[in-house]
PDB file of all heavy atoms in Angstrom:
ATOM      1  N   LEU A   1     -26.769 -81.288  31.013  1.00  0.00           N
ATOM      2  CA  LEU A   1     -25.457 -81.758  30.558  1.00  0.00           C
ATOM      3  C   LEU A   1     -24.368 -80.970  31.278  1.00  0.00           C
ATOM      4  O   LEU A   1     -24.365 -79.738  31.262  1.00  0.00           O
ATOM      5  CB  LEU A   1     -25.296 -81.540  29.051  1.00  0.00           C
ATOM      6  CG  LEU A   1     -25.745 -82.619  28.078  1.00  0.00           C
ATOM      7  CD1 LEU A   1     -25.565 -82.128  26.652  1.00  0.00           C
ATOM      8  CD2 LEU A   1     -24.986 -83.917  28.286  1.00  0.00           C
ATOM      9  N   SER A   2     -23.447 -81.674  31.912  1.00  0.00           N
ATOM     10  CA  SER A   2     -22.314 -80.975  32.511  1.00  0.00           C
ATOM     11  C   SER A   2     -21.397 -80.454  31.412  1.00  0.00           C
ATOM     12  O   SER A   2     -21.433 -80.922  30.273  1.00  0.00           O
ATOM     13  CB  SER A   2     -21.545 -81.914  33.437  1.00  0.00           C
ATOM     14  OG  SER A   2     -20.858 -82.898  32.672  1.00  0.00           O
ATOM     15  N   ASP A   3     -20.557 -79.475  31.766  1.00  0.00           N
ATOM     16  CA  ASP A   3     -19.618 -78.936  30.773  1.00  0.00           C
ATOM     17  C   ASP A   3     -18.680 -80.018  30.264  1.00  0.00           C
ATOM     18  O   ASP A   3     -18.351 -80.068  29.077  1.00  0.00           O
ATOM     19  CB  ASP A   3     -18.806 -77.785  31.395  1.00  0.00           C
ATOM     20  CG  ASP A   3     -19.670 -76.558  31.667  1.00  0.00           C
ATOM     21  OD1 ASP A   3     -20.756 -76.469  31.056  1.00  0.00           O
ATOM     22  OD2 ASP A   3     -19.259 -75.710  32.483  1.00  0.00           O
ATOM     23  N   GLY A   4     -18.263 -80.896  31.168  1.00  0.00           N
ATOM     24  CA  GLY A   4     -17.369 -81.975  30.748  1.00  0.00           C
ATOM     25  C   GLY A   4     -18.045 -82.934  29.783  1.00  0.00           C
ATOM     26  O   GLY A   4     -17.454 -83.364  28.790  1.00  0.00           O
ATOM     27  N   ALA A   5     -19.304 -83.274  30.072  1.00  0.00           N
ATOM     28  CA  ALA A   5     -20.046 -84.175  29.189  1.00  0.00           C
ATOM     29  C   ALA A   5     -20.277 -83.526  27.835  1.00  0.00           C
ATOM     30  O   ALA A   5     -20.188 -84.188  26.794  1.00  0.00           O
ATOM     31  CB  ALA A   5     -21.375 -84.551  29.837  1.00  0.00           C
ATOM     32  N   ARG A   6     -20.573 -82.232  27.843  1.00  0.00           N
ATOM     33  CA  ARG A   6     -20.788 -81.512  26.591  1.00  0.00           C
ATOM     34  C   ARG A   6     -19.537 -81.578  25.709  1.00  0.00           C
ATOM     35  O   ARG A   6     -19.616 -81.871  24.509  1.00  0.00           O
ATOM     36  CB  ARG A   6     -21.146 -80.060  26.916  1.00  0.00           C
ATOM     37  CG  ARG A   6     -21.571 -79.217  25.729  1.00  0.00           C
ATOM     38  CD  ARG A   6     -21.847 -77.806  26.195  1.00  0.00           C
ATOM     39  NE  ARG A   6     -22.909 -77.784  27.204  1.00  0.00           N
ATOM     40  CZ  ARG A   6     -24.177 -77.596  26.913  1.00  0.00           C
ATOM     41  NH1 ARG A   6     -24.546 -77.389  25.667  1.00  0.00           N
ATOM     42  NH2 ARG A   6     -25.091 -77.596  27.868  1.00  0.00           N
ATOM     43  N   ALA A   7     -18.377 -81.311  26.313  1.00  0.00           N
ATOM     44  CA  ALA A   7     -17.126 -81.363  25.551  1.00  0.00           C
ATOM     45  C   ALA A   7     -16.808 -82.785  25.103  1.00  0.00           C
ATOM     46  O   ALA A   7     -16.335 -83.013  23.987  1.00  0.00           O
ATOM     47  CB  ALA A   7     -15.990 -80.809  26.404  1.00  0.00           C
ATOM     48  N   HIS A   8     -17.091 -83.751  25.987  1.00  0.00           N
ATOM     49  CA  HIS A   8     -16.807 -85.153  25.660  1.00  0.00           C
ATOM     50  C   HIS A   8     -17.639 -85.615  24.464  1.00  0.00           C
ATOM     51  O   HIS A   8     -17.127 -86.319  23.578  1.00  0.00           O
ATOM     52  CB  HIS A   8     -17.088 -86.032  26.876  1.00  0.00           C
ATOM     53  CG  HIS A   8     -16.711 -87.467  26.686  1.00  0.00           C
ATOM     54  ND1 HIS A   8     -15.408 -87.889  26.556  1.00  0.00           N
ATOM     55  CD2 HIS A   8     -17.483 -88.589  26.595  1.00  0.00           C
ATOM     56  CE1 HIS A   8     -15.381 -89.202  26.389  1.00  0.00           C
ATOM     57  NE2 HIS A   8     -16.630 -89.655  26.418  1.00  0.00           N
ATOM     58  N   LEU A   9     -18.906 -85.222  24.425  1.00  0.00           N
ATOM     59  CA  LEU A   9     -19.759 -85.601  23.294  1.00  0.00           C
ATOM     60  C   LEU A   9     -19.185 -85.087  21.980  1.00  0.00           C
ATOM     61  O   LEU A   9     -19.278 -85.754  20.945  1.00  0.00           O
ATOM     62  CB  LEU A   9     -21.172 -85.044  23.503  1.00  0.00           C
ATOM     63  CG  LEU A   9     -22.066 -85.733  24.534  1.00  0.00           C
ATOM     64  CD1 LEU A   9     -23.346 -84.938  24.735  1.00  0.00           C
ATOM     65  CD2 LEU A   9     -22.390 -87.163  24.110  1.00  0.00           C
ATOM     66  N   GLN A  10     -18.598 -83.891  22.018  1.00  0.00           N
ATOM     67  CA  GLN A  10     -18.083 -83.299  20.788  1.00  0.00           C
ATOM     68  C   GLN A  10     -16.791 -83.944  20.310  1.00  0.00           C
ATOM     69  O   GLN A  10     -16.402 -83.768  19.161  1.00  0.00           O
ATOM     70  CB  GLN A  10     -17.864 -81.796  20.997  1.00  0.00           C
ATOM     71  CG  GLN A  10     -19.170 -81.019  21.109  1.00  0.00           C
ATOM     72  CD  GLN A  10     -18.926 -79.553  21.330  1.00  0.00           C
ATOM     73  OE1 GLN A  10     -18.452 -79.137  22.379  1.00  0.00           O
ATOM     74  NE2 GLN A  10     -19.245 -78.748  20.330  1.00  0.00           N
ATOM     75  N   THR A  11     -16.126 -84.687  21.176  1.00  0.00           N
ATOM     76  CA  THR A  11     -14.868 -85.325  20.778  1.00  0.00           C
ATOM     77  C   THR A  11     -14.993 -86.833  20.618  1.00  0.00           C
ATOM     78  O   THR A  11     -14.029 -87.497  20.256  1.00  0.00           O
ATOM     79  CB  THR A  11     -13.770 -85.017  21.817  1.00  0.00           C
ATOM     80  OG1 THR A  11     -14.206 -85.434  23.118  1.00  0.00           O
ATOM     81  CG2 THR A  11     -13.467 -83.522  21.853  1.00  0.00           C
ATOM     82  N   MET A  12     -16.184 -87.379  20.891  1.00  0.00           N
ATOM     83  CA  MET A  12     -16.390 -88.814  20.712  1.00  0.00           C
ATOM     84  C   MET A  12     -16.478 -89.187  19.233  1.00  0.00           C
ATOM     85  O   MET A  12     -16.737 -88.338  18.382  1.00  0.00           O
ATOM     86  CB  MET A  12     -17.701 -89.246  21.414  1.00  0.00           C
ATOM     87  CG  MET A  12     -17.637 -89.284  22.928  1.00  0.00           C
ATOM     88  SD  MET A  12     -19.254 -89.666  23.681  1.00  0.00           S
ATOM     89  CE  MET A  12     -19.565 -91.326  23.046  1.00  0.00           C
ATOM     90  N   ARG A  13     -16.253 -90.444  18.926  1.00  0.00           N
ATOM     91  CA  ARG A  13     -16.451 -90.962  17.574  1.00  0.00           C
ATOM     92  C   ARG A  13     -17.912 -91.385  17.433  1.00  0.00           C
ATOM     93  O   ARG A  13     -18.475 -92.017  18.335  1.00  0.00           O
ATOM     94  CB  ARG A  13     -15.543 -92.167  17.307  1.00  0.00           C
ATOM     95  CG  ARG A  13     -14.067 -91.846  17.391  1.00  0.00           C
ATOM     96  CD  ARG A  13     -13.652 -90.894  16.288  1.00  0.00           C
ATOM     97  NE  ARG A  13     -12.233 -90.601  16.302  1.00  0.00           N
ATOM     98  CZ  ARG A  13     -11.648 -89.679  15.544  1.00  0.00           C
ATOM     99  NH1 ARG A  13     -12.396 -88.944  14.724  1.00  0.00           N
ATOM    100  NH2 ARG A  13     -10.348 -89.460  15.616  1.00  0.00           N
ATOM    101  N   TRP A  14     -18.507 -91.070  16.293  1.00  0.00           N
ATOM    102  CA  TRP A  14     -19.929 -91.336  16.091  1.00  0.00           C
ATOM    103  C   TRP A  14     -20.161 -92.100  14.784  1.00  0.00           C
ATOM    104  O   TRP A  14     -20.698 -91.557  13.826  1.00  0.00           O
ATOM    105  CB  TRP A  14     -20.722 -90.030  16.073  1.00  0.00           C
ATOM    106  CG  TRP A  14     -20.660 -89.267  17.352  1.00  0.00           C
ATOM    107  CD1 TRP A  14     -19.929 -88.160  17.621  1.00  0.00           C
ATOM    108  CD2 TRP A  14     -21.360 -89.580  18.561  1.00  0.00           C
ATOM    109  NE1 TRP A  14     -20.122 -87.750  18.908  1.00  0.00           N
ATOM    110  CE2 TRP A  14     -21.006 -88.603  19.511  1.00  0.00           C
ATOM    111  CE3 TRP A  14     -22.263 -90.581  18.917  1.00  0.00           C
ATOM    112  CZ2 TRP A  14     -21.508 -88.606  20.807  1.00  0.00           C
ATOM    113  CZ3 TRP A  14     -22.764 -90.583  20.209  1.00  0.00           C
ATOM    114  CH2 TRP A  14     -22.391 -89.615  21.136  1.00  0.00           C
ATOM    115  N   PRO A  15     -19.782 -93.380  14.733  1.00  0.00           N
ATOM    116  CA  PRO A  15     -20.033 -94.152  13.505  1.00  0.00           C
ATOM    117  C   PRO A  15     -21.517 -94.305  13.197  1.00  0.00           C
ATOM    118  O   PRO A  15     -21.909 -94.457  12.042  1.00  0.00           O
ATOM    119  CB  PRO A  15     -19.373 -95.513  13.794  1.00  0.00           C
ATOM    120  CG  PRO A  15     -19.286 -95.582  15.291  1.00  0.00           C
ATOM    121  CD  PRO A  15     -19.071 -94.178  15.753  1.00  0.00           C
ATOM    122  N   GLY A  16     -22.369 -94.246  14.248  1.00  0.00           N
ATOM    123  CA  GLY A  16     -23.815 -94.323  14.037  1.00  0.00           C
ATOM    124  C   GLY A  16     -24.479 -92.981  13.913  1.00  0.00           C
ATOM    125  O   GLY A  16     -25.704 -92.895  13.781  1.00  0.00           O
ATOM    126  N   ASN A  17     -23.688 -91.906  14.020  1.00  0.00           N
ATOM    127  CA  ASN A  17     -24.146 -90.537  13.809  1.00  0.00           C
ATOM    128  C   ASN A  17     -25.326 -90.146  14.707  1.00  0.00           C
ATOM    129  O   ASN A  17     -25.324 -90.477  15.888  1.00  0.00           O
ATOM    130  CB  ASN A  17     -24.452 -90.322  12.320  1.00  0.00           C
ATOM    131  CG  ASN A  17     -23.182 -90.356  11.498  1.00  0.00           C
ATOM    132  OD1 ASN A  17     -22.392 -89.429  11.556  1.00  0.00           O
ATOM    133  ND2 ASN A  17     -22.963 -91.444  10.768  1.00  0.00           N
ATOM    134  N   ILE A  18     -26.321 -89.450  14.167  1.00  0.00           N
ATOM    135  CA  ILE A  18     -27.398 -88.896  14.980  1.00  0.00           C
ATOM    136  C   ILE A  18     -28.167 -89.999  15.704  1.00  0.00           C
ATOM    137  O   ILE A  18     -28.569 -89.844  16.857  1.00  0.00           O
ATOM    138  CB  ILE A  18     -28.342 -88.044  14.107  1.00  0.00           C
ATOM    139  CG1 ILE A  18     -27.595 -86.812  13.588  1.00  0.00           C
ATOM    140  CG2 ILE A  18     -29.580 -87.615  14.889  1.00  0.00           C
ATOM    141  CD1 ILE A  18     -28.388 -85.963  12.620  1.00  0.00           C
ATOM    142  N   ARG A  19     -28.359 -91.120  15.043  1.00  0.00           N
ATOM    143  CA  ARG A  19     -29.074 -92.237  15.676  1.00  0.00           C
ATOM    144  C   ARG A  19     -28.321 -92.731  16.907  1.00  0.00           C
ATOM    145  O   ARG A  19     -28.906 -93.006  17.952  1.00  0.00           O
ATOM    146  CB  ARG A  19     -29.251 -93.370  14.661  1.00  0.00           C
ATOM    147  CG  ARG A  19     -30.190 -94.471  15.112  1.00  0.00           C
ATOM    148  CD  ARG A  19     -30.310 -95.541  14.053  1.00  0.00           C
ATOM    149  NE  ARG A  19     -30.812 -95.011  12.798  1.00  0.00           N
ATOM    150  CZ  ARG A  19     -30.226 -95.195  11.613  1.00  0.00           C
ATOM    151  NH1 ARG A  19     -29.111 -95.900  11.529  1.00  0.00           N
ATOM    152  NH2 ARG A  19     -30.746 -94.681  10.526  1.00  0.00           N
ATOM    153  N   GLN A  20     -27.001 -92.836  16.788  1.00  0.00           N
ATOM    154  CA  GLN A  20     -26.176 -93.275  17.914  1.00  0.00           C
ATOM    155  C   GLN A  20     -26.197 -92.243  19.038  1.00  0.00           C
ATOM    156  O   GLN A  20     -26.291 -92.600  20.217  1.00  0.00           O
ATOM    157  CB  GLN A  20     -24.743 -93.508  17.449  1.00  0.00           C
ATOM    158  CG  GLN A  20     -23.811 -93.976  18.559  1.00  0.00           C
ATOM    159  CD  GLN A  20     -22.357 -94.044  18.096  1.00  0.00           C
ATOM    160  OE1 GLN A  20     -22.046 -93.768  16.941  1.00  0.00           O
ATOM    161  NE2 GLN A  20     -21.466 -94.405  19.002  1.00  0.00           N
ATOM    162  N   LEU A  21     -26.138 -90.962  18.694  1.00  0.00           N
ATOM    163  CA  LEU A  21     -26.183 -89.907  19.704  1.00  0.00           C
ATOM    164  C   LEU A  21     -27.478 -89.992  20.511  1.00  0.00           C
ATOM    165  O   LEU A  21     -27.457 -89.881  21.742  1.00  0.00           O
ATOM    166  CB  LEU A  21     -26.062 -88.536  19.032  1.00  0.00           C
ATOM    167  CG  LEU A  21     -26.270 -87.315  19.935  1.00  0.00           C
ATOM    168  CD1 LEU A  21     -25.209 -87.279  21.041  1.00  0.00           C
ATOM    169  CD2 LEU A  21     -26.230 -86.029  19.111  1.00  0.00           C
ATOM    170  N   ARG A  22     -28.582 -90.193  19.836  1.00  0.00           N
ATOM    171  CA  ARG A  22     -29.865 -90.297  20.551  1.00  0.00           C
ATOM    172  C   ARG A  22     -29.860 -91.486  21.500  1.00  0.00           C
ATOM    173  O   ARG A  22     -30.352 -91.396  22.631  1.00  0.00           O
ATOM    174  CB  ARG A  22     -31.018 -90.426  19.560  1.00  0.00           C
ATOM    175  CG  ARG A  22     -32.394 -90.303  20.210  1.00  0.00           C
ATOM    176  CD  ARG A  22     -33.511 -90.542  19.202  1.00  0.00           C
ATOM    177  NE  ARG A  22     -34.819 -90.187  19.731  1.00  0.00           N
ATOM    178  CZ  ARG A  22     -35.522 -90.940  20.559  1.00  0.00           C
ATOM    179  NH1 ARG A  22     -35.042 -92.113  20.957  1.00  0.00           N
ATOM    180  NH2 ARG A  22     -36.708 -90.530  20.996  1.00  0.00           N
ATOM    181  N   ASN A  23     -29.293 -92.617  21.055  1.00  0.00           N
ATOM    182  CA  ASN A  23     -29.243 -93.798  21.909  1.00  0.00           C
ATOM    183  C   ASN A  23     -28.393 -93.551  23.161  1.00  0.00           C
ATOM    184  O   ASN A  23     -28.753 -93.983  24.259  1.00  0.00           O
ATOM    185  CB  ASN A  23     -28.687 -94.995  21.130  1.00  0.00           C
ATOM    186  CG  ASN A  23     -29.631 -95.475  20.046  1.00  0.00           C
ATOM    187  OD1 ASN A  23     -30.813 -95.144  20.063  1.00  0.00           O
ATOM    188  ND2 ASN A  23     -29.122 -96.241  19.104  1.00  0.00           N
ATOM    189  N   VAL A  24     -27.263 -92.860  22.982  1.00  0.00           N
ATOM    190  CA  VAL A  24     -26.375 -92.566  24.115  1.00  0.00           C
ATOM    191  C   VAL A  24     -27.090 -91.681  25.131  1.00  0.00           C
ATOM    192  O   VAL A  24     -27.027 -91.911  26.347  1.00  0.00           O
ATOM    193  CB  VAL A  24     -25.077 -91.897  23.614  1.00  0.00           C
ATOM    194  CG1 VAL A  24     -24.281 -91.312  24.774  1.00  0.00           C
ATOM    195  CG2 VAL A  24     -24.216 -92.911  22.863  1.00  0.00           C
ATOM    196  N   ILE A  25     -27.796 -90.660  24.638  1.00  0.00           N
ATOM    197  CA  ILE A  25     -28.530 -89.756  25.533  1.00  0.00           C
ATOM    198  C   ILE A  25     -29.656 -90.495  26.246  1.00  0.00           C
ATOM    199  O   ILE A  25     -29.883 -90.322  27.451  1.00  0.00           O
ATOM    200  CB  ILE A  25     -29.077 -88.556  24.743  1.00  0.00           C
ATOM    201  CG1 ILE A  25     -27.925 -87.697  24.205  1.00  0.00           C
ATOM    202  CG2 ILE A  25     -30.013 -87.726  25.599  1.00  0.00           C
ATOM    203  CD1 ILE A  25     -27.035 -87.109  25.269  1.00  0.00           C
ATOM    204  N   GLU A  26     -30.373 -91.343  25.520  1.00  0.00           N
ATOM    205  CA  GLU A  26     -31.466 -92.100  26.135  1.00  0.00           C
ATOM    206  C   GLU A  26     -30.941 -93.011  27.230  1.00  0.00           C
ATOM    207  O   GLU A  26     -31.532 -93.102  28.317  1.00  0.00           O
ATOM    208  CB  GLU A  26     -32.206 -92.902  25.064  1.00  0.00           C
ATOM    209  CG  GLU A  26     -33.408 -93.656  25.611  1.00  0.00           C
ATOM    210  CD  GLU A  26     -34.227 -94.330  24.524  1.00  0.00           C
ATOM    211  OE1 GLU A  26     -33.813 -94.283  23.343  1.00  0.00           O
ATOM    212  OE2 GLU A  26     -35.278 -94.910  24.850  1.00  0.00           O
ATOM    213  N   ARG A  27     -29.827 -93.697  26.974  1.00  0.00           N
ATOM    214  CA  ARG A  27     -29.258 -94.586  27.996  1.00  0.00           C
ATOM    215  C   ARG A  27     -28.840 -93.790  29.239  1.00  0.00           C
ATOM    216  O   ARG A  27     -29.093 -94.212  30.368  1.00  0.00           O
ATOM    217  CB  ARG A  27     -28.053 -95.335  27.416  1.00  0.00           C
ATOM    218  CG  ARG A  27     -27.414 -96.296  28.411  1.00  0.00           C
ATOM    219  CD  ARG A  27     -26.294 -97.113  27.787  1.00  0.00           C
ATOM    220  NE  ARG A  27     -25.196 -96.272  27.366  1.00  0.00           N
ATOM    221  CZ  ARG A  27     -24.780 -96.154  26.094  1.00  0.00           C
ATOM    222  NH1 ARG A  27     -25.385 -96.818  25.134  1.00  0.00           N
ATOM    223  NH2 ARG A  27     -23.763 -95.384  25.793  1.00  0.00           N
ATOM    224  N   ALA A  28     -28.223 -92.619  29.015  1.00  0.00           N
ATOM    225  CA  ALA A  28     -27.784 -91.801  30.146  1.00  0.00           C
ATOM    226  C   ALA A  28     -28.962 -91.321  30.984  1.00  0.00           C
ATOM    227  O   ALA A  28     -28.890 -91.285  32.216  1.00  0.00           O
ATOM    228  CB  ALA A  28     -26.976 -90.604  29.635  1.00  0.00           C
ATOM    229  N   MET A  29     -30.062 -90.981  30.329  1.00  0.00           N
ATOM    230  CA  MET A  29     -31.238 -90.494  31.060  1.00  0.00           C
ATOM    231  C   MET A  29     -31.931 -91.625  31.817  1.00  0.00           C
ATOM    232  O   MET A  29     -32.487 -91.414  32.898  1.00  0.00           O
ATOM    233  CB  MET A  29     -32.212 -89.825  30.086  1.00  0.00           C
ATOM    234  CG  MET A  29     -31.685 -88.521  29.513  1.00  0.00           C
ATOM    235  SD  MET A  29     -32.870 -87.718  28.414  1.00  0.00           S
ATOM    236  CE  MET A  29     -34.127 -87.170  29.582  1.00  0.00           C
ATOM    237  N   ILE A  30     -31.893 -92.834  31.271  1.00  0.00           N
ATOM    238  CA  ILE A  30     -32.555 -93.972  31.924  1.00  0.00           C
ATOM    239  C   ILE A  30     -31.746 -94.473  33.112  1.00  0.00           C
ATOM    240  O   ILE A  30     -32.287 -94.711  34.200  1.00  0.00           O
ATOM    241  CB  ILE A  30     -32.779 -95.118  30.906  1.00  0.00           C
ATOM    242  CG1 ILE A  30     -33.826 -94.718  29.869  1.00  0.00           C
ATOM    243  CG2 ILE A  30     -33.210 -96.399  31.625  1.00  0.00           C
ATOM    244  CD1 ILE A  30     -33.987 -95.723  28.746  1.00  0.00           C
ATOM    245  N   LEU A  31     -30.437 -94.620  32.933  1.00  0.00           N
ATOM    246  CA  LEU A  31     -29.604 -95.245  33.956  1.00  0.00           C
ATOM    247  C   LEU A  31     -29.113 -94.273  35.021  1.00  0.00           C
ATOM    248  O   LEU A  31     -28.737 -94.695  36.118  1.00  0.00           O
ATOM    249  CB  LEU A  31     -28.393 -95.927  33.297  1.00  0.00           C
ATOM    250  CG  LEU A  31     -28.712 -97.052  32.308  1.00  0.00           C
ATOM    251  CD1 LEU A  31     -27.434 -97.632  31.731  1.00  0.00           C
ATOM    252  CD2 LEU A  31     -29.537 -98.141  32.988  1.00  0.00           C
ATOM    253  N   GLY A  32     -29.088 -92.979  34.723  1.00  0.00           N
ATOM    254  CA  GLY A  32     -28.572 -92.012  35.675  1.00  0.00           C
ATOM    255  C   GLY A  32     -29.577 -91.650  36.744  1.00  0.00           C
ATOM    256  O   GLY A  32     -30.750 -92.035  36.708  1.00  0.00           O
ATOM    257  N   GLU A  33     -29.107 -90.888  37.705  1.00  0.00           N
ATOM    258  CA  GLU A  33     -29.952 -90.458  38.809  1.00  0.00           C
ATOM    259  C   GLU A  33     -30.766 -89.244  38.388  1.00  0.00           C
ATOM    260  O   GLU A  33     -30.225 -88.258  37.888  1.00  0.00           O
ATOM    261  CB  GLU A  33     -29.099 -90.114  40.023  1.00  0.00           C
ATOM    262  CG  GLU A  33     -29.904 -89.787  41.268  1.00  0.00           C
ATOM    263  CD  GLU A  33     -29.021 -89.561  42.473  1.00  0.00           C
ATOM    264  OE1 GLU A  33     -27.850 -89.995  42.437  1.00  0.00           O
ATOM    265  OE2 GLU A  33     -29.494 -88.950  43.437  1.00  0.00           O
ATOM    266  N   ALA A  34     -32.076 -89.292  38.580  1.00  0.00           N
ATOM    267  CA  ALA A  34     -32.958 -88.221  38.142  1.00  0.00           C
ATOM    268  C   ALA A  34     -32.538 -86.887  38.742  1.00  0.00           C
ATOM    269  O   ALA A  34     -32.283 -86.785  39.944  1.00  0.00           O
ATOM    270  CB  ALA A  34     -34.404 -88.537  38.537  1.00  0.00           C
TER     271      ALA A  34
END
């Protein structure tokens, strides 16, 4: 996680809470460059 991404995660809105956070991380790991 970059420092910017770390800070961004902490300021995002999370209506789906922990479940939504896991989905966001999974999507980033799948679509991003290894």
